[in-house]
PDB file of N, CA and C in Angstrom:
ATOM      1  N   UNK A   1     -23.792 -51.854 -48.124  1.00  0.00           N
ATOM      2  CA  UNK A   1     -22.947 -50.998 -47.328  1.00  0.00           C
ATOM      3  C   UNK A   1     -22.896 -51.542 -45.898  1.00  0.00           C
ATOM      4  N   UNK A   2     -21.744 -51.728 -45.393  1.00  0.00           N
ATOM      5  CA  UNK A   2     -21.580 -52.294 -44.061  1.00  0.00           C
ATOM      6  C   UNK A   2     -21.706 -51.203 -42.999  1.00  0.00           C
ATOM      7  N   UNK A   3     -22.359 -51.545 -41.914  1.00  0.00           N
ATOM      8  CA  UNK A   3     -22.485 -50.605 -40.795  1.00  0.00           C
ATOM      9  C   UNK A   3     -21.244 -50.699 -39.930  1.00  0.00           C
ATOM     10  N   UNK A   4     -20.773 -49.555 -39.527  1.00  0.00           N
ATOM     11  CA  UNK A   4     -19.637 -49.527 -38.615  1.00  0.00           C
ATOM     12  C   UNK A   4     -20.083 -48.909 -37.305  1.00  0.00           C
ATOM     13  N   UNK A   5     -19.570 -49.392 -36.236  1.00  0.00           N
ATOM     14  CA  UNK A   5     -19.891 -48.823 -34.929  1.00  0.00           C
ATOM     15  C   UNK A   5     -18.664 -48.087 -34.417  1.00  0.00           C
ATOM     16  N   UNK A   6     -18.922 -46.976 -33.794  1.00  0.00           N
ATOM     17  CA  UNK A   6     -17.826 -46.162 -33.259  1.00  0.00           C
ATOM     18  C   UNK A   6     -17.313 -46.781 -31.964  1.00  0.00           C
ATOM     19  N   UNK A   7     -16.035 -46.791 -31.830  1.00  0.00           N
ATOM     20  CA  UNK A   7     -15.431 -47.289 -30.602  1.00  0.00           C
ATOM     21  C   UNK A   7     -15.621 -46.245 -29.503  1.00  0.00           C
ATOM     22  N   UNK A   8     -15.785 -46.672 -28.272  1.00  0.00           N
ATOM     23  CA  UNK A   8     -15.916 -45.693 -27.184  1.00  0.00           C
ATOM     24  C   UNK A   8     -14.655 -44.861 -27.045  1.00  0.00           C
ATOM     25  N   UNK A   9     -14.833 -43.650 -26.543  1.00  0.00           N
ATOM     26  CA  UNK A   9     -13.681 -42.760 -26.377  1.00  0.00           C
ATOM     27  C   UNK A   9     -12.747 -43.285 -25.301  1.00  0.00           C
ATOM     28  N   UNK A  10     -11.483 -43.086 -25.543  1.00  0.00           N
ATOM     29  CA  UNK A  10     -10.488 -43.471 -24.545  1.00  0.00           C
ATOM     30  C   UNK A  10     -10.333 -42.353 -23.526  1.00  0.00           C
ATOM     31  N   UNK A  11      -9.680 -42.651 -22.434  1.00  0.00           N
ATOM     32  CA  UNK A  11      -9.432 -41.642 -21.400  1.00  0.00           C
ATOM     33  C   UNK A  11      -8.587 -40.498 -21.955  1.00  0.00           C
ATOM     34  N   UNK A  12      -7.643 -40.828 -22.830  1.00  0.00           N
ATOM     35  CA  UNK A  12      -6.791 -39.802 -23.429  1.00  0.00           C
ATOM     36  C   UNK A  12      -7.610 -38.851 -24.310  1.00  0.00           C
ATOM     37  N   UNK A  13      -8.535 -39.377 -25.058  1.00  0.00           N
ATOM     38  CA  UNK A  13      -9.384 -38.533 -25.910  1.00  0.00           C
ATOM     39  C   UNK A  13     -10.280 -37.640 -25.069  1.00  0.00           C
ATOM     40  N   UNK A  14     -10.819 -38.171 -23.984  1.00  0.00           N
ATOM     41  CA  UNK A  14     -11.644 -37.349 -23.093  1.00  0.00           C
ATOM     42  C   UNK A  14     -10.818 -36.231 -22.467  1.00  0.00           C
ATOM     43  N   UNK A  15      -9.580 -36.535 -22.121  1.00  0.00           N
ATOM     44  CA  UNK A  15      -8.695 -35.526 -21.528  1.00  0.00           C
ATOM     45  C   UNK A  15      -8.402 -34.409 -22.528  1.00  0.00           C
ATOM     46  N   UNK A  16      -8.176 -34.765 -23.789  1.00  0.00           N
ATOM     47  CA  UNK A  16      -7.895 -33.772 -24.828  1.00  0.00           C
ATOM     48  C   UNK A  16      -9.117 -32.883 -25.055  1.00  0.00           C
ATOM     49  N   UNK A  17     -10.294 -33.489 -25.109  1.00  0.00           N
ATOM     50  CA  UNK A  17     -11.524 -32.708 -25.313  1.00  0.00           C
ATOM     51  C   UNK A  17     -11.764 -31.773 -24.129  1.00  0.00           C
ATOM     52  N   UNK A  18     -11.553 -32.258 -22.923  1.00  0.00           N
ATOM     53  CA  UNK A  18     -11.735 -31.427 -21.735  1.00  0.00           C
ATOM     54  C   UNK A  18     -10.763 -30.252 -21.729  1.00  0.00           C
ATOM     55  N   UNK A  19      -9.492 -30.522 -22.009  1.00  0.00           N
ATOM     56  CA  UNK A  19      -8.477 -29.453 -22.006  1.00  0.00           C
ATOM     57  C   UNK A  19      -8.773 -28.421 -23.091  1.00  0.00           C
ATOM     58  N   UNK A  20      -9.178 -28.874 -24.254  1.00  0.00           N
ATOM     59  CA  UNK A  20      -9.514 -27.957 -25.344  1.00  0.00           C
ATOM     60  C   UNK A  20     -10.713 -27.088 -24.979  1.00  0.00           C
ATOM     61  N   UNK A  21     -11.720 -27.698 -24.387  1.00  0.00           N
ATOM     62  CA  UNK A  21     -12.914 -26.947 -23.980  1.00  0.00           C
ATOM     63  C   UNK A  21     -12.577 -25.936 -22.897  1.00  0.00           C
ATOM     64  N   UNK A  22     -11.753 -26.335 -21.946  1.00  0.00           N
ATOM     65  CA  UNK A  22     -11.359 -25.424 -20.878  1.00  0.00           C
ATOM     66  C   UNK A  22     -10.577 -24.230 -21.428  1.00  0.00           C
ATOM     67  N   UNK A  23      -9.682 -24.484 -22.370  1.00  0.00           N
ATOM     68  CA  UNK A  23      -8.933 -23.399 -22.994  1.00  0.00           C
ATOM     69  C   UNK A  23      -9.844 -22.424 -23.724  1.00  0.00           C
ATOM     70  N   UNK A  24     -10.856 -22.949 -24.392  1.00  0.00           N
ATOM     71  CA  UNK A  24     -11.807 -22.096 -25.100  1.00  0.00           C
ATOM     72  C   UNK A  24     -12.601 -21.238 -24.123  1.00  0.00           C
ATOM     73  N   UNK A  25     -13.021 -21.819 -23.010  1.00  0.00           N
ATOM     74  CA  UNK A  25     -13.763 -21.061 -21.994  1.00  0.00           C
ATOM     75  C   UNK A  25     -12.903 -19.923 -21.451  1.00  0.00           C
ATOM     76  N   UNK A  26     -11.639 -20.200 -21.142  1.00  0.00           N
ATOM     77  CA  UNK A  26     -10.754 -19.151 -20.636  1.00  0.00           C
ATOM     78  C   UNK A  26     -10.556 -18.044 -21.669  1.00  0.00           C
ATOM     79  N   UNK A  27     -10.428 -18.421 -22.921  1.00  0.00           N
ATOM     80  CA  UNK A  27     -10.229 -17.417 -23.969  1.00  0.00           C
ATOM     81  C   UNK A  27     -11.457 -16.519 -24.109  1.00  0.00           C
ATOM     82  N   UNK A  28     -12.652 -17.100 -24.094  1.00  0.00           N
ATOM     83  CA  UNK A  28     -13.861 -16.292 -24.196  1.00  0.00           C
ATOM     84  C   UNK A  28     -14.036 -15.409 -22.963  1.00  0.00           C
ATOM     85  N   UNK A  29     -13.649 -15.914 -21.792  1.00  0.00           N
ATOM     86  CA  UNK A  29     -13.718 -15.097 -20.583  1.00  0.00           C
ATOM     87  C   UNK A  29     -12.765 -13.908 -20.692  1.00  0.00           C
ATOM     88  N   UNK A  30     -11.591 -14.129 -21.263  1.00  0.00           N
ATOM     89  CA  UNK A  30     -10.628 -13.061 -21.481  1.00  0.00           C
ATOM     90  C   UNK A  30     -11.215 -11.995 -22.412  1.00  0.00           C
ATOM     91  N   UNK A  31     -11.862 -12.418 -23.487  1.00  0.00           N
ATOM     92  CA  UNK A  31     -12.500 -11.458 -24.393  1.00  0.00           C
ATOM     93  C   UNK A  31     -13.621 -10.703 -23.696  1.00  0.00           C
ATOM     94  N   UNK A  32     -14.369 -11.385 -22.838  1.00  0.00           N
ATOM     95  CA  UNK A  32     -15.441 -10.724 -22.086  1.00  0.00           C
ATOM     96  C   UNK A  32     -14.865  -9.650 -21.170  1.00  0.00           C
ATOM     97  N   UNK A  33     -13.808  -9.985 -20.433  1.00  0.00           N
ATOM     98  CA  UNK A  33     -13.181  -8.996 -19.550  1.00  0.00           C
ATOM     99  C   UNK A  33     -12.642  -7.815 -20.335  1.00  0.00           C
ATOM    100  N   UNK A  34     -11.989  -8.100 -21.452  1.00  0.00           N
ATOM    101  CA  UNK A  34     -11.455  -7.015 -22.271  1.00  0.00           C
ATOM    102  C   UNK A  34     -12.581  -6.096 -22.736  1.00  0.00           C
ATOM    103  N   UNK A  35     -13.648  -6.684 -23.256  1.00  0.00           N
ATOM    104  CA  UNK A  35     -14.759  -5.868 -23.746  1.00  0.00           C
ATOM    105  C   UNK A  35     -15.424  -5.063 -22.651  1.00  0.00           C
ATOM    106  N   UNK A  36     -15.522  -5.650 -21.470  1.00  0.00           N
ATOM    107  CA  UNK A  36     -16.171  -4.962 -20.356  1.00  0.00           C
ATOM    108  C   UNK A  36     -15.316  -3.826 -19.796  1.00  0.00           C
ATOM    109  N   UNK A  37     -14.027  -4.003 -19.792  1.00  0.00           N
ATOM    110  CA  UNK A  37     -13.140  -3.030 -19.153  1.00  0.00           C
ATOM    111  C   UNK A  37     -12.390  -2.134 -20.129  1.00  0.00           C
ATOM    112  N   UNK A  38     -12.587  -2.302 -21.424  1.00  0.00           N
ATOM    113  CA  UNK A  38     -11.815  -1.545 -22.415  1.00  0.00           C
ATOM    114  C   UNK A  38     -11.982  -0.041 -22.256  1.00  0.00           C
ATOM    115  N   UNK A  39     -13.201   0.411 -22.074  1.00  0.00           N
ATOM    116  CA  UNK A  39     -13.430   1.855 -21.967  1.00  0.00           C
ATOM    117  C   UNK A  39     -12.780   2.429 -20.710  1.00  0.00           C
ATOM    118  N   UNK A  40     -12.821   1.678 -19.616  1.00  0.00           N
ATOM    119  CA  UNK A  40     -12.235   2.153 -18.362  1.00  0.00           C
ATOM    120  C   UNK A  40     -10.710   2.186 -18.458  1.00  0.00           C
ATOM    121  N   UNK A  41     -10.140   1.122 -18.976  1.00  0.00           N
ATOM    122  CA  UNK A  41      -8.682   1.052 -19.091  1.00  0.00           C
ATOM    123  C   UNK A  41      -8.169   2.072 -20.106  1.00  0.00           C
ATOM    124  N   UNK A  42      -8.923   2.293 -21.180  1.00  0.00           N
ATOM    125  CA  UNK A  42      -8.505   3.255 -22.210  1.00  0.00           C
ATOM    126  C   UNK A  42      -8.365   4.659 -21.619  1.00  0.00           C
ATOM    127  N   UNK A  43      -9.254   5.017 -20.705  1.00  0.00           N
ATOM    128  CA  UNK A  43      -9.167   6.335 -20.073  1.00  0.00           C
ATOM    129  C   UNK A  43      -7.881   6.478 -19.255  1.00  0.00           C
ATOM    130  N   UNK A  44      -7.421   5.377 -18.666  1.00  0.00           N
ATOM    131  CA  UNK A  44      -6.207   5.419 -17.850  1.00  0.00           C
ATOM    132  C   UNK A  44      -4.941   5.496 -18.716  1.00  0.00           C
ATOM    133  N   UNK A  45      -4.916   4.760 -19.818  1.00  0.00           N
ATOM    134  CA  UNK A  45      -3.745   4.735 -20.684  1.00  0.00           C
ATOM    135  C   UNK A  45      -3.630   5.990 -21.541  1.00  0.00           C
ATOM    136  N   UNK A  46      -4.751   6.507 -21.992  1.00  0.00           N
ATOM    137  CA  UNK A  46      -4.771   7.662 -22.895  1.00  0.00           C
ATOM    138  C   UNK A  46      -5.577   8.799 -22.269  1.00  0.00           C
ATOM    139  N   UNK A  47      -5.110   9.280 -21.145  1.00  0.00           N
ATOM    140  CA  UNK A  47      -5.854  10.281 -20.377  1.00  0.00           C
ATOM    141  C   UNK A  47      -5.990  11.611 -21.122  1.00  0.00           C
ATOM    142  N   UNK A  48      -5.058  11.954 -21.997  1.00  0.00           N
ATOM    143  CA  UNK A  48      -5.098  13.239 -22.681  1.00  0.00           C
ATOM    144  C   UNK A  48      -5.994  13.276 -23.903  1.00  0.00           C
ATOM    145  N   UNK A  49      -6.575  12.165 -24.290  1.00  0.00           N
ATOM    146  CA  UNK A  49      -7.396  12.098 -25.499  1.00  0.00           C
ATOM    147  C   UNK A  49      -8.881  12.014 -25.152  1.00  0.00           C
ATOM    148  N   UNK A  50      -9.710  12.308 -26.149  1.00  0.00           N
ATOM    149  CA  UNK A  50     -11.150  12.145 -25.934  1.00  0.00           C
ATOM    150  C   UNK A  50     -11.474  10.645 -25.859  1.00  0.00           C
ATOM    151  N   UNK A  51     -12.686  10.323 -25.432  1.00  0.00           N
ATOM    152  CA  UNK A  51     -13.054   8.925 -25.169  1.00  0.00           C
ATOM    153  C   UNK A  51     -12.946   8.047 -26.420  1.00  0.00           C
ATOM    154  N   UNK A  52     -13.374   8.553 -27.571  1.00  0.00           N
ATOM    155  CA  UNK A  52     -13.323   7.763 -28.804  1.00  0.00           C
ATOM    156  C   UNK A  52     -11.901   7.454 -29.245  1.00  0.00           C
ATOM    157  N   UNK A  53     -11.046   8.461 -29.198  1.00  0.00           N
ATOM    158  CA  UNK A  53      -9.650   8.260 -29.589  1.00  0.00           C
ATOM    159  C   UNK A  53      -8.922   7.352 -28.609  1.00  0.00           C
ATOM    160  N   UNK A  54      -9.235   7.490 -27.334  1.00  0.00           N
ATOM    161  CA  UNK A  54      -8.615   6.635 -26.323  1.00  0.00           C
ATOM    162  C   UNK A  54      -9.012   5.176 -26.554  1.00  0.00           C
ATOM    163  N   UNK A  55     -10.270   4.949 -26.860  1.00  0.00           N
ATOM    164  CA  UNK A  55     -10.745   3.586 -27.114  1.00  0.00           C
ATOM    165  C   UNK A  55     -10.079   2.987 -28.355  1.00  0.00           C
ATOM    166  N   UNK A  56      -9.952   3.796 -29.400  1.00  0.00           N
ATOM    167  CA  UNK A  56      -9.281   3.326 -30.621  1.00  0.00           C
ATOM    168  C   UNK A  56      -7.811   3.006 -30.346  1.00  0.00           C
ATOM    169  N   UNK A  57      -7.149   3.851 -29.587  1.00  0.00           N
ATOM    170  CA  UNK A  57      -5.753   3.613 -29.248  1.00  0.00           C
ATOM    171  C   UNK A  57      -5.576   2.351 -28.420  1.00  0.00           C
ATOM    172  N   UNK A  58      -6.492   2.120 -27.498  1.00  0.00           N
ATOM    173  CA  UNK A  58      -6.413   0.918 -26.680  1.00  0.00           C
ATOM    174  C   UNK A  58      -6.648  -0.327 -27.520  1.00  0.00           C
ATOM    175  N   UNK A  59      -7.572  -0.257 -28.467  1.00  0.00           N
ATOM    176  CA  UNK A  59      -7.803  -1.390 -29.364  1.00  0.00           C
ATOM    177  C   UNK A  59      -6.571  -1.675 -30.217  1.00  0.00           C
ATOM    178  N   UNK A  60      -5.873  -0.641 -30.636  1.00  0.00           N
ATOM    179  CA  UNK A  60      -4.657  -0.849 -31.419  1.00  0.00           C
ATOM    180  C   UNK A  60      -3.569  -1.513 -30.578  1.00  0.00           C
ATOM    181  N   UNK A  61      -3.452  -1.137 -29.318  1.00  0.00           N
ATOM    182  CA  UNK A  61      -2.489  -1.804 -28.436  1.00  0.00           C
ATOM    183  C   UNK A  61      -2.845  -3.275 -28.244  1.00  0.00           C
ATOM    184  N   UNK A  62      -4.129  -3.546 -28.083  1.00  0.00           N
ATOM    185  CA  UNK A  62      -4.583  -4.927 -27.926  1.00  0.00           C
ATOM    186  C   UNK A  62      -4.267  -5.738 -29.177  1.00  0.00           C
ATOM    187  N   UNK A  63      -4.486  -5.142 -30.336  1.00  0.00           N
ATOM    188  CA  UNK A  63      -4.199  -5.820 -31.608  1.00  0.00           C
ATOM    189  C   UNK A  63      -2.711  -6.098 -31.752  1.00  0.00           C
ATOM    190  N   UNK A  64      -1.864  -5.174 -31.346  1.00  0.00           N
ATOM    191  CA  UNK A  64      -0.422  -5.400 -31.420  1.00  0.00           C
ATOM    192  C   UNK A  64      -0.008  -6.590 -30.546  1.00  0.00           C
ATOM    193  N   UNK A  65      -0.635  -6.732 -29.396  1.00  0.00           N
ATOM    194  CA  UNK A  65      -0.326  -7.864 -28.523  1.00  0.00           C
ATOM    195  C   UNK A  65      -0.714  -9.187 -29.144  1.00  0.00           C
ATOM    196  N   UNK A  66      -1.829  -9.225 -29.842  1.00  0.00           N
ATOM    197  CA  UNK A  66      -2.316 -10.474 -30.426  1.00  0.00           C
ATOM    198  C   UNK A  66      -1.482 -10.859 -31.634  1.00  0.00           C
ATOM    199  N   UNK A  67      -1.171  -9.906 -32.501  1.00  0.00           N
ATOM    200  CA  UNK A  67      -0.555 -10.208 -33.785  1.00  0.00           C
ATOM    201  C   UNK A  67       0.941  -9.948 -33.854  1.00  0.00           C
ATOM    202  N   UNK A  68       1.621  -9.909 -32.726  1.00  0.00           N
ATOM    203  CA  UNK A  68       3.060  -9.648 -32.775  1.00  0.00           C
ATOM    204  C   UNK A  68       3.850 -10.865 -33.127  1.00  0.00           C
TER     205      UNK A  68
END
């Protein structure tokens, strides 16, 4: 079996990996903000409902945004 050596990464490949990693970091930060502020924002959007129903309603709005 012949040994093969990997070629060093090109500048273009490093740029793609960096951009992909940065996008992932931003997405996880977005999920963190949503999770941290969901209860507070739910009270503002669904002021007439109890806390549990408001949270469920806010999650449904978030889901509609993602899967539209």
